[in-house]
Amino acid sequence: MARWLPLAFCACALSALGFAAVSCGGSSGAKTISGTPGTTATASGSGSAANTTPDDPKAAPILKAPASLYSINLDDLGTAFFTDISQTYVLTLDSYAAAQGAFSSATEGKKDLTDWGYLGGYETAYIPEGRETAVLQGQYYITIESHLFKSEAGAKQAYDYFNAKLKSSVSTLVSGPQVGNESAVWKLVSGNIPTSTTPAAYHRLIFRRGNLVSIVLTFGADPFMTTQPVHDLAVIVDQKALGKKAVVEPTPTSNFTPNPADAPTPSGTAATGAGH
């Protein structure tokens, strides 16, 4: 069963997904793996920011398509993760407009995206080595959604819309260092890590850089979670947008574009539109 629910809005159906479609986490107090953003290579696992210096908040490049250029790949993550191929898609105006939970209707979504000058998007996800066992020791799942617009103004409209949806949800706005031209971090604690009684926590950082809007999601055990991993991951994307880190168009993992009608109904306490 495939999940195809936009990061900015949906609730994750973890019990149905077998943990394979979401990503999140933190690293405080647990053993970590070298190369993981937001962690150190020490056995104690005390979280230490890999990237803490903010880049120019005024730089606003107009980036070229495809949006997948401004995502994260395995080379950015080291050896602690592998790609969730089933959750890697190219997003089009029509497919994103029809995505469950993103807009009140596909018609409204298509109108808004058209008004904003939507050029296309890309979603991909990464699974930690060890899955649930690793998450219960401080590792996390990762999902990245990137969207390009014709202009900075259109991207700002989309960014404001996404944040307004999240503000009206059960997620909570939390503090964190700025990424890009503007950014916000949202946290949701909902349900438990599968096979355990440990609360699950979702951190989502949404930021805009020029005509790019990116949403980075981490999923992990709440006792270990901080905003550090999601921040460090977002900085990687921002560095690519600024031309400070090499961009590589990923090799397509599939020609399959999911049908929104096939998406499962979200389960759990967060199934309130923008809750996840």
Protein backbone atom coordinates (compact mmCIF):
# COMPACT_ATOMS: atom_id res chain seq x y z
CA MET A 1 0.00 0.00 0.00
CA ALA A 2 1.55 3.26 -1.09
CA ARG A 3 1.35 6.53 0.83
CA TRP A 4 0.92 9.58 -1.30
CA LEU A 5 -0.02 12.38 1.02
CA PRO A 6 1.72 15.77 0.89
CA LEU A 7 4.11 16.40 3.75
CA ALA A 8 2.70 19.82 4.45
CA PHE A 9 -0.72 18.54 5.33
CA CYS A 10 -1.24 14.83 5.84
CA ALA A 11 -1.28 12.52 8.81
CA CYS A 12 0.98 9.49 8.51
CA ALA A 13 -0.65 6.08 8.48
CA LEU A 14 2.24 4.34 10.18
CA SER A 15 0.45 1.23 11.25
CA ALA A 16 -0.60 0.53 7.68
CA LEU A 17 2.73 1.49 6.20
CA GLY A 18 4.89 -0.79 8.25
CA PHE A 19 7.06 2.27 8.96
CA ALA A 20 8.45 2.39 5.44
CA ALA A 21 6.98 5.64 4.20
CA VAL A 22 7.90 8.24 6.75
CA SER A 23 11.00 9.70 8.21
CA CYS A 24 11.84 11.47 11.39
CA GLY A 25 14.16 11.52 14.28
CA GLY A 26 16.61 12.85 16.73
CA SER A 27 19.87 11.80 18.29
CA SER A 28 20.14 13.00 21.85
CA GLY A 29 21.33 10.30 24.21
CA ALA A 30 21.44 7.40 21.77
CA LYS A 31 24.08 5.67 19.75
CA THR A 32 24.35 7.29 16.31
CA ILE A 33 25.91 6.52 12.98
CA SER A 34 28.70 8.55 11.42
CA GLY A 35 27.52 10.84 8.65
CA THR A 36 23.96 11.26 9.86
CA PRO A 37 22.81 14.90 9.74
CA GLY A 38 22.16 16.31 13.17
CA THR A 39 24.28 13.75 14.98
CA THR A 40 27.85 13.16 15.96
CA ALA A 41 29.92 10.05 15.38
CA THR A 42 30.26 9.35 19.08
CA ALA A 43 28.70 6.48 20.96
CA SER A 44 26.98 8.91 23.29
CA GLY A 45 25.13 10.39 20.34
CA SER A 46 24.94 13.91 21.69
CA GLY A 47 23.37 15.94 18.90
CA SER A 48 25.69 18.52 17.41
CA ALA A 49 24.80 20.71 14.47
CA ALA A 50 26.76 19.96 11.33
CA ASN A 51 25.65 23.28 9.84
CA THR A 52 24.84 26.12 12.25
CA THR A 53 25.93 29.24 10.37
CA PRO A 54 22.99 30.79 8.49
CA ASP A 55 23.43 31.65 4.83
CA ASP A 56 22.52 35.03 3.35
CA PRO A 57 18.80 35.42 4.17
CA LYS A 58 18.34 37.87 1.31
CA ALA A 59 19.76 35.80 -1.57
CA ALA A 60 16.80 34.82 -3.75
CA PRO A 61 17.91 32.90 -6.86
CA ILE A 62 15.41 31.89 -9.53
CA LEU A 63 16.20 28.20 -9.80
CA LYS A 64 15.75 26.07 -12.88
CA ALA A 65 13.78 22.84 -13.08
CA PRO A 66 13.64 20.01 -12.20
CA ALA A 67 12.85 20.35 -8.51
CA SER A 68 14.68 17.07 -7.85
CA LEU A 69 17.96 18.97 -8.19
CA TYR A 70 17.21 20.61 -4.85
CA SER A 71 16.54 17.52 -2.80
CA ILE A 72 18.71 15.17 -0.75
CA ASN A 73 20.40 12.03 -1.99
CA LEU A 74 22.25 9.18 -0.35
CA ASP A 75 25.61 10.89 -0.89
CA ASP A 76 24.37 13.63 1.45
CA LEU A 77 23.36 11.15 4.14
CA GLY A 78 26.24 8.72 4.42
CA THR A 79 25.71 5.02 5.10
CA ALA A 80 22.96 5.23 7.71
CA PHE A 81 20.01 5.27 5.27
CA PHE A 82 18.62 3.68 2.14
CA THR A 83 16.12 5.09 -0.35
CA ASP A 84 12.42 4.36 0.02
CA ILE A 85 11.78 3.82 -3.68
CA SER A 86 8.02 3.46 -3.19
CA GLN A 87 7.89 7.00 -1.81
CA THR A 88 9.91 8.72 -4.54
CA TYR A 89 7.88 10.63 -7.13
CA VAL A 90 7.95 13.47 -9.62
CA LEU A 91 5.06 15.80 -8.78
CA THR A 92 3.09 17.64 -11.45
CA LEU A 93 0.52 20.40 -11.15
CA ASP A 94 -2.33 17.94 -11.73
CA SER A 95 -1.06 15.22 -9.41
CA TYR A 96 -0.19 17.58 -6.57
CA ALA A 97 -3.49 19.45 -6.90
CA ALA A 98 -5.35 16.17 -6.47
CA ALA A 99 -3.24 14.95 -3.55
CA GLN A 100 -5.29 13.98 -0.54
CA GLY A 101 -5.28 16.67 2.13
CA ALA A 102 -3.36 19.33 0.22
CA PHE A 103 -6.35 21.33 -0.98
CA SER A 104 -10.07 21.26 -0.35
CA SER A 105 -10.54 19.90 -3.87
CA ALA A 106 -8.47 19.08 -6.93
CA THR A 107 -10.14 21.99 -8.74
CA GLU A 108 -9.15 24.47 -6.04
CA GLY A 109 -5.67 22.99 -5.86
CA LYS A 110 -5.15 23.32 -9.60
CA LYS A 111 -6.36 26.93 -9.51
CA ASP A 112 -4.06 27.87 -6.62
CA LEU A 113 -1.03 26.13 -8.09
CA THR A 114 -1.66 27.74 -11.47
CA ASP A 115 -2.01 31.17 -9.85
CA TRP A 116 1.28 30.60 -8.01
CA GLY A 117 3.08 29.59 -11.21
CA TYR A 118 3.80 26.00 -10.18
CA LEU A 119 6.56 24.41 -12.25
CA GLY A 120 6.69 21.00 -10.58
CA GLY A 121 7.92 19.17 -7.54
CA TYR A 122 9.70 16.11 -6.23
CA GLU A 123 9.28 13.90 -3.18
CA THR A 124 11.66 11.28 -1.86
CA ALA A 125 12.12 9.41 1.41
CA TYR A 126 14.88 7.60 3.28
CA ILE A 127 14.74 4.71 5.72
CA PRO A 128 17.31 4.29 8.50
CA GLU A 129 19.29 1.09 8.70
CA GLY A 130 17.56 -0.98 11.34
CA ARG A 131 14.14 0.62 10.90
CA GLU A 132 12.10 0.51 14.15
CA THR A 133 15.01 -0.83 16.17
CA ALA A 134 17.24 2.02 15.01
CA VAL A 135 14.53 4.62 15.63
CA LEU A 136 14.11 3.40 19.19
CA GLN A 137 17.84 4.05 19.61
CA GLY A 138 17.73 7.58 18.22
CA GLN A 139 17.70 7.23 14.42
CA TYR A 140 14.96 8.60 12.18
CA TYR A 141 13.12 8.46 8.89
CA ILE A 142 13.39 11.34 6.39
CA THR A 143 11.06 12.69 3.72
CA ILE A 144 11.79 15.69 1.50
CA GLU A 145 9.33 17.53 -0.70
CA SER A 146 10.62 20.27 -3.04
CA HIS A 147 8.52 22.58 -5.22
CA LEU A 148 9.52 25.16 -7.83
CA PHE A 149 7.52 28.18 -8.97
CA LYS A 150 7.99 30.66 -11.81
CA SER A 151 8.72 33.54 -9.46
CA GLU A 152 9.71 34.35 -5.91
CA ALA A 153 6.30 35.92 -5.38
CA GLY A 154 4.53 32.69 -6.35
CA ALA A 155 6.76 30.65 -4.06
CA LYS A 156 5.98 33.02 -1.19
CA GLN A 157 2.26 32.60 -1.76
CA ALA A 158 2.67 28.82 -1.58
CA TYR A 159 4.89 29.07 1.50
CA ASP A 160 2.32 31.24 3.27
CA TYR A 161 -0.47 28.84 2.30
CA PHE A 162 1.39 25.80 3.62
CA ASN A 163 2.11 27.51 6.92
CA ALA A 164 -1.47 28.69 7.28
CA LYS A 165 -2.64 25.09 6.83
CA LEU A 166 -0.20 23.92 9.48
CA LYS A 167 -1.19 26.71 11.84
CA SER A 168 -4.79 25.53 11.68
CA SER A 169 -3.75 21.93 12.41
CA VAL A 170 -2.77 20.07 15.55
CA SER A 171 0.93 20.74 14.88
CA THR A 172 2.79 23.22 17.08
CA LEU A 173 5.13 25.96 15.85
CA VAL A 174 8.51 25.63 17.57
CA SER A 175 11.61 27.79 17.52
CA GLY A 176 14.63 27.06 15.36
CA PRO A 177 17.36 28.81 13.33
CA GLN A 178 16.21 30.37 10.07
CA VAL A 179 16.87 28.54 6.83
CA GLY A 180 16.56 30.27 3.45
CA ASN A 181 14.66 33.53 3.04
CA GLU A 182 12.07 32.43 5.57
CA SER A 183 11.34 29.23 7.45
CA ALA A 184 9.19 27.64 10.12
CA VAL A 185 9.47 24.46 12.18
CA TRP A 186 6.40 22.50 13.23
CA LYS A 187 6.22 19.60 15.69
CA LEU A 188 3.59 16.94 16.24
CA VAL A 189 3.66 14.14 18.82
CA SER A 190 1.15 11.49 17.83
CA GLY A 191 0.87 7.76 18.37
CA ASN A 192 3.75 5.44 19.16
CA ILE A 193 6.71 4.02 17.31
CA PRO A 194 5.48 0.69 15.86
CA THR A 195 6.07 -2.33 18.11
CA SER A 196 6.66 -0.06 21.13
CA THR A 197 5.00 2.25 23.62
CA THR A 198 7.44 5.08 22.85
CA PRO A 199 5.70 8.26 21.62
CA ALA A 200 6.39 9.18 17.99
CA ALA A 201 7.38 12.73 17.07
CA TYR A 202 7.28 14.50 13.73
CA HIS A 203 9.36 17.59 13.00
CA ARG A 204 8.69 19.44 9.78
CA LEU A 205 10.78 22.38 8.57
CA ILE A 206 9.33 24.35 5.68
CA PHE A 207 11.46 27.03 4.05
CA ARG A 208 11.58 29.22 0.97
CA ARG A 209 14.66 30.20 -1.00
CA GLY A 210 13.85 32.33 -4.03
CA ASN A 211 11.35 30.38 -6.14
CA LEU A 212 11.89 27.13 -4.20
CA VAL A 213 9.71 25.88 -1.37
CA SER A 214 11.04 22.84 0.45
CA ILE A 215 9.51 20.78 3.23
CA VAL A 216 11.74 18.44 5.23
CA LEU A 217 10.13 15.93 7.57
CA THR A 218 11.78 13.80 10.24
CA PHE A 219 10.05 11.04 12.19
CA GLY A 220 11.44 9.35 15.27
CA ALA A 221 11.08 8.56 18.95
CA ASP A 222 10.04 11.64 20.91
CA PRO A 223 12.51 11.12 23.78
CA PHE A 224 15.37 11.51 21.29
CA MET A 225 13.87 14.16 19.03
CA THR A 226 15.15 17.71 18.61
CA THR A 227 14.89 20.21 15.77
CA GLN A 228 18.58 19.67 14.92
CA PRO A 229 18.24 16.85 12.35
CA VAL A 230 15.47 18.53 10.37
CA HIS A 231 17.43 21.80 10.43
CA ASP A 232 20.66 20.19 9.20
CA LEU A 233 18.81 18.41 6.41
CA ALA A 234 17.11 21.64 5.32
CA VAL A 235 20.49 23.39 5.25
CA ILE A 236 21.74 20.75 2.77
CA VAL A 237 18.83 21.58 0.45
CA ASP A 238 19.43 25.31 0.90
CA GLN A 239 23.12 24.93 0.09
CA LYS A 240 22.15 23.31 -3.20
CA ALA A 241 19.73 26.11 -3.98
CA LEU A 242 22.50 28.64 -3.35
CA GLY A 243 24.99 26.80 -5.56
CA LYS A 244 27.25 26.07 -2.60
CA LYS A 245 26.75 22.33 -2.87
CA ALA A 246 26.76 20.28 -6.05
CA VAL A 247 23.34 19.41 -7.47
CA VAL A 248 22.80 16.05 -9.09
CA GLU A 249 19.60 15.03 -10.82
CA PRO A 250 18.65 11.67 -9.29
CA THR A 251 18.27 8.61 -11.45
CA PRO A 252 14.55 7.87 -11.77
CA THR A 253 13.60 5.00 -9.48
CA SER A 254 10.31 4.34 -11.24
CA ASN A 255 8.03 5.64 -13.96
CA PHE A 256 5.11 5.18 -11.60
CA THR A 257 3.17 8.26 -10.54
CA PRO A 258 0.75 7.35 -7.73
CA ASN A 259 -2.96 7.84 -8.18
CA PRO A 260 -4.33 9.99 -5.35
CA ALA A 261 -7.45 7.82 -5.30
CA ASP A 262 -5.30 4.89 -4.22
CA ALA A 263 -3.89 6.67 -1.18
CA PRO A 264 -4.87 5.10 2.14
CA THR A 265 -7.00 6.98 4.62
CA PRO A 266 -4.68 8.30 7.34
CA SER A 267 -4.96 6.48 10.64
CA GLY A 268 -4.18 7.61 14.15
CA THR A 269 -4.90 10.79 16.07
CA ALA A 270 -3.37 13.21 13.56
CA ALA A 271 -5.72 12.63 10.64
CA THR A 272 -6.88 16.22 10.49
CA GLY A 273 -5.62 17.52 7.18
CA ALA A 274 -2.57 19.53 8.04
CA GLY A 275 -1.82 17.51 11.13
CA HIS A 276 1.21 15.70 9.78
